[in-house]
Amino acid sequence: MNDDIKMIIDELKVAAEKALNHVAAEVGKLRAGKATPSMLDSVTVEYYESHIPLSQVATVNTPDAKTIMVKPWEKGMLDEISKGILHANLGLNPQNDGEQVIINVPALTEERRMQLVKQVRGESEHGKIGLRSARKDAIDLIKSLKSDGLGEDMAKDGENEVQKIIDSYSKRIDDTISNKEKEIMTVLYLRILSLSTY
């Protein structure tokens, strides 16, 4: 493979990986009824007149599937942590017990699960847009090499390699989305199955 094409392919892989990681991070934030520390990743708190991530002022853990505990490093941060969680608009209700902030994660309703699935599918589309953009950039660069004298066969091989990489990452995005949808809908399916056995 020509060095210029190899460089284009390497850049394409970096862009495709970025699109995949973005999708994985965004769908990872969506809760499927089970408490996880990552649910609070978007929370910021006011600390000495600046907003910083919650993880920089407290430890977040999940003692069970329905509870998140946030233990601040300084007790004076309890109210700010509660405010930050409420402002993040996550649908969570923090309770301050004087030592830590406790969040009981409510079970998801069927309607909320359907909304989450729509959100997940929206993230899939964002990822695919990123892949299409990376593909277009790579193909344009190969075409410019062709007009600078790159052989027809090499250009065609390069374009085929670009498409192969895009197809591979597109499938990985689809798998990520599919797994998250299953996770979101599992409790709902189990509920439907248990009702149908009566």
Protein backbone atom coordinates (compact mmCIF):
# COMPACT_ATOMS: atom_id res chain seq x y z
CA MET A 1 0.00 0.00 0.00
CA ASN A 2 1.19 3.47 -0.93
CA ASP A 3 2.49 5.52 2.05
CA ASP A 4 0.06 8.39 1.38
CA ILE A 5 -2.90 6.00 1.30
CA LYS A 6 -1.66 4.28 4.46
CA MET A 7 -1.61 7.68 6.18
CA ILE A 8 -5.16 8.41 4.96
CA ILE A 9 -6.32 4.99 6.25
CA ASP A 10 -4.66 5.60 9.64
CA GLU A 11 -6.38 9.00 9.95
CA LEU A 12 -9.68 7.40 8.95
CA LYS A 13 -9.32 4.76 11.67
CA VAL A 14 -8.68 7.48 14.28
CA ALA A 15 -11.80 9.40 13.17
CA ALA A 16 -13.92 6.23 13.06
CA GLU A 17 -12.72 5.19 16.53
CA LYS A 18 -13.63 8.66 17.80
CA ALA A 19 -17.18 8.31 16.39
CA LEU A 20 -17.56 4.87 17.97
CA ASN A 21 -16.21 6.04 21.34
CA HIS A 22 -18.56 9.03 21.30
CA VAL A 23 -21.57 6.77 20.73
CA ALA A 24 -20.43 4.34 23.44
CA ALA A 25 -19.89 7.20 25.92
CA GLU A 26 -23.26 8.83 25.19
CA VAL A 27 -25.29 5.61 25.44
CA GLY A 28 -23.30 4.65 28.52
CA LYS A 29 -24.75 7.71 30.28
CA LEU A 30 -28.30 6.49 29.72
CA ARG A 31 -29.52 4.42 32.61
CA ALA A 32 -31.39 1.21 32.06
CA GLY A 33 -32.81 0.99 35.56
CA LYS A 34 -29.58 -0.14 37.20
CA ALA A 35 -27.55 2.35 39.24
CA THR A 36 -24.02 3.01 37.94
CA PRO A 37 -21.46 5.69 38.92
CA SER A 38 -21.27 6.80 35.27
CA MET A 39 -24.86 8.11 35.58
CA LEU A 40 -23.35 11.13 37.36
CA ASP A 41 -20.55 11.77 34.83
CA SER A 42 -22.30 14.88 33.50
CA VAL A 43 -22.75 16.42 36.98
CA THR A 44 -20.69 19.50 37.80
CA VAL A 45 -20.51 21.27 41.17
CA GLU A 46 -19.57 24.77 42.18
CA TYR A 47 -16.23 24.77 43.97
CA TYR A 48 -14.48 28.06 44.79
CA GLU A 49 -16.52 29.94 42.15
CA SER A 50 -15.85 27.52 39.31
CA HIS A 51 -17.77 24.50 38.04
CA ILE A 52 -15.86 21.23 38.16
CA PRO A 53 -16.82 17.57 37.58
CA LEU A 54 -18.34 15.79 40.57
CA SER A 55 -15.57 13.17 40.42
CA GLN A 56 -13.05 15.85 41.47
CA VAL A 57 -14.73 16.53 44.83
CA ALA A 58 -16.26 13.19 45.84
CA THR A 59 -16.19 9.41 45.51
CA VAL A 60 -19.15 7.85 43.72
CA ASN A 61 -20.09 4.21 44.22
CA THR A 62 -23.05 1.88 43.95
CA PRO A 63 -23.55 -0.43 46.92
CA ASP A 64 -26.46 -2.12 45.09
CA ALA A 65 -28.37 -1.96 41.79
CA LYS A 66 -30.77 0.74 43.02
CA THR A 67 -28.52 3.08 45.05
CA ILE A 68 -25.77 5.58 44.28
CA MET A 69 -23.70 6.99 47.14
CA VAL A 70 -21.66 10.17 46.76
CA LYS A 71 -19.13 10.76 49.56
CA PRO A 72 -17.55 14.23 49.38
CA TRP A 73 -13.95 14.75 50.40
CA GLU A 74 -15.10 17.88 52.28
CA LYS A 75 -18.39 17.80 54.21
CA GLY A 76 -19.07 21.40 53.21
CA MET A 77 -19.65 20.18 49.64
CA LEU A 78 -22.81 18.15 50.46
CA ASP A 79 -25.27 20.91 49.50
CA GLU A 80 -23.32 21.81 46.34
CA ILE A 81 -23.31 18.15 45.29
CA SER A 82 -27.08 17.88 45.80
CA LYS A 83 -27.58 21.10 43.79
CA GLY A 84 -25.32 19.85 41.01
CA ILE A 85 -27.25 16.58 40.72
CA LEU A 86 -30.58 18.42 40.57
CA HIS A 87 -29.24 20.93 38.00
CA ALA A 88 -27.97 18.08 35.79
CA ASN A 89 -31.65 17.23 35.24
CA LEU A 90 -31.14 13.45 35.41
CA GLY A 91 -34.48 12.76 37.06
CA LEU A 92 -32.73 11.78 40.29
CA ASN A 93 -33.59 12.95 43.80
CA PRO A 94 -30.49 13.30 46.02
CA GLN A 95 -30.87 12.86 49.80
CA ASN A 96 -28.24 14.35 52.13
CA ASP A 97 -27.73 12.37 55.36
CA GLY A 98 -25.07 14.70 56.78
CA GLU A 99 -22.21 12.39 55.73
CA GLN A 100 -22.95 11.65 52.08
CA VAL A 101 -25.52 12.11 49.33
CA ILE A 102 -27.68 9.05 48.72
CA ILE A 103 -29.64 8.62 45.51
CA ASN A 104 -32.30 5.94 45.15
CA VAL A 105 -32.59 5.19 41.45
CA PRO A 106 -36.26 4.70 40.57
CA ALA A 107 -37.38 1.88 38.29
CA LEU A 108 -38.01 2.98 34.71
CA THR A 109 -41.55 3.16 33.39
CA GLU A 110 -42.41 1.58 30.04
CA GLU A 111 -42.85 5.06 28.53
CA ARG A 112 -39.43 6.17 29.78
CA ARG A 113 -37.83 3.02 28.36
CA MET A 114 -39.32 3.82 24.94
CA GLN A 115 -37.93 7.38 25.17
CA LEU A 116 -34.50 6.01 26.04
CA VAL A 117 -34.56 3.65 23.05
CA LYS A 118 -35.34 6.65 20.80
CA GLN A 119 -32.43 8.54 22.37
CA VAL A 120 -30.12 5.57 21.81
CA ARG A 121 -31.13 5.40 18.15
CA GLY A 122 -30.45 9.13 17.85
CA GLU A 123 -26.92 8.57 19.16
CA SER A 124 -26.48 5.86 16.53
CA GLU A 125 -27.31 8.41 13.84
CA HIS A 126 -24.76 10.89 15.29
CA GLY A 127 -22.12 8.15 15.10
CA LYS A 128 -23.03 7.26 11.52
CA ILE A 129 -22.84 10.92 10.51
CA GLY A 130 -19.31 11.00 11.96
CA LEU A 131 -18.40 7.88 9.95
CA ARG A 132 -19.86 9.31 6.72
CA SER A 133 -17.89 12.51 7.24
CA ALA A 134 -14.65 10.56 7.88
CA ARG A 135 -15.33 8.41 4.79
CA LYS A 136 -15.91 11.49 2.58
CA ASP A 137 -12.67 13.12 3.81
CA ALA A 138 -10.68 9.93 3.11
CA ILE A 139 -12.18 9.44 -0.37
CA ASP A 140 -11.56 13.12 -1.24
CA LEU A 141 -7.91 12.77 -0.20
CA ILE A 142 -7.51 9.63 -2.33
CA LYS A 143 -9.09 11.44 -5.31
CA SER A 144 -6.65 14.33 -4.88
CA LEU A 145 -3.76 11.81 -4.85
CA LYS A 146 -5.18 10.33 -8.05
CA SER A 147 -5.17 13.73 -9.74
CA ASP A 148 -1.53 14.08 -8.58
CA GLY A 149 -0.58 10.87 -10.40
CA LEU A 150 -1.60 7.96 -8.14
CA GLY A 151 -2.43 4.88 -10.23
CA GLU A 152 -6.08 3.93 -10.88
CA ASP A 153 -5.69 0.49 -9.25
CA MET A 154 -4.04 1.89 -6.10
CA ALA A 155 -6.76 4.53 -5.78
CA LYS A 156 -9.47 1.86 -6.18
CA ASP A 157 -7.80 -0.38 -3.58
CA GLY A 158 -7.57 2.59 -1.21
CA GLU A 159 -11.27 3.43 -1.68
CA ASN A 160 -12.20 -0.23 -1.10
CA GLU A 161 -10.14 -0.28 2.11
CA VAL A 162 -11.88 2.93 3.26
CA GLN A 163 -15.30 1.33 2.69
CA LYS A 164 -14.24 -1.85 4.50
CA ILE A 165 -13.17 0.15 7.57
CA ILE A 166 -16.36 2.24 7.55
CA ASP A 167 -18.51 -0.91 7.27
CA SER A 168 -16.64 -2.47 10.19
CA TYR A 169 -17.11 0.58 12.44
CA SER A 170 -20.72 0.96 11.36
CA LYS A 171 -21.37 -2.62 12.50
CA ARG A 172 -19.63 -1.93 15.82
CA ILE A 173 -21.88 1.12 16.36
CA ASP A 174 -24.94 -1.03 15.50
CA ASP A 175 -23.80 -3.67 18.02
CA THR A 176 -23.29 -1.02 20.73
CA ILE A 177 -26.78 0.37 20.08
CA SER A 178 -28.38 -3.07 19.94
CA ASN A 179 -26.80 -4.10 23.27
CA LYS A 180 -27.98 -0.89 24.94
CA GLU A 181 -31.52 -1.32 23.58
CA LYS A 182 -31.61 -4.87 24.95
CA GLU A 183 -30.36 -3.62 28.32
CA ILE A 184 -33.05 -0.91 28.41
CA MET A 185 -35.87 -3.20 27.33
CA THR A 186 -34.90 -6.36 29.30
CA VAL A 187 -36.97 -5.56 32.38
CA LEU A 188 -39.92 -4.62 30.18
CA TYR A 189 -39.71 -7.91 28.23
CA LEU A 190 -39.42 -9.87 31.48
CA ARG A 191 -42.49 -8.08 32.83
CA ILE A 192 -44.47 -8.84 29.64
CA LEU A 193 -43.39 -12.51 29.81
CA SER A 194 -44.42 -12.81 33.45
CA LEU A 195 -47.84 -11.28 32.69
CA SER A 196 -48.38 -13.63 29.75
CA THR A 197 -47.80 -16.69 31.97
CA TYR A 198 -50.88 -15.92 34.08
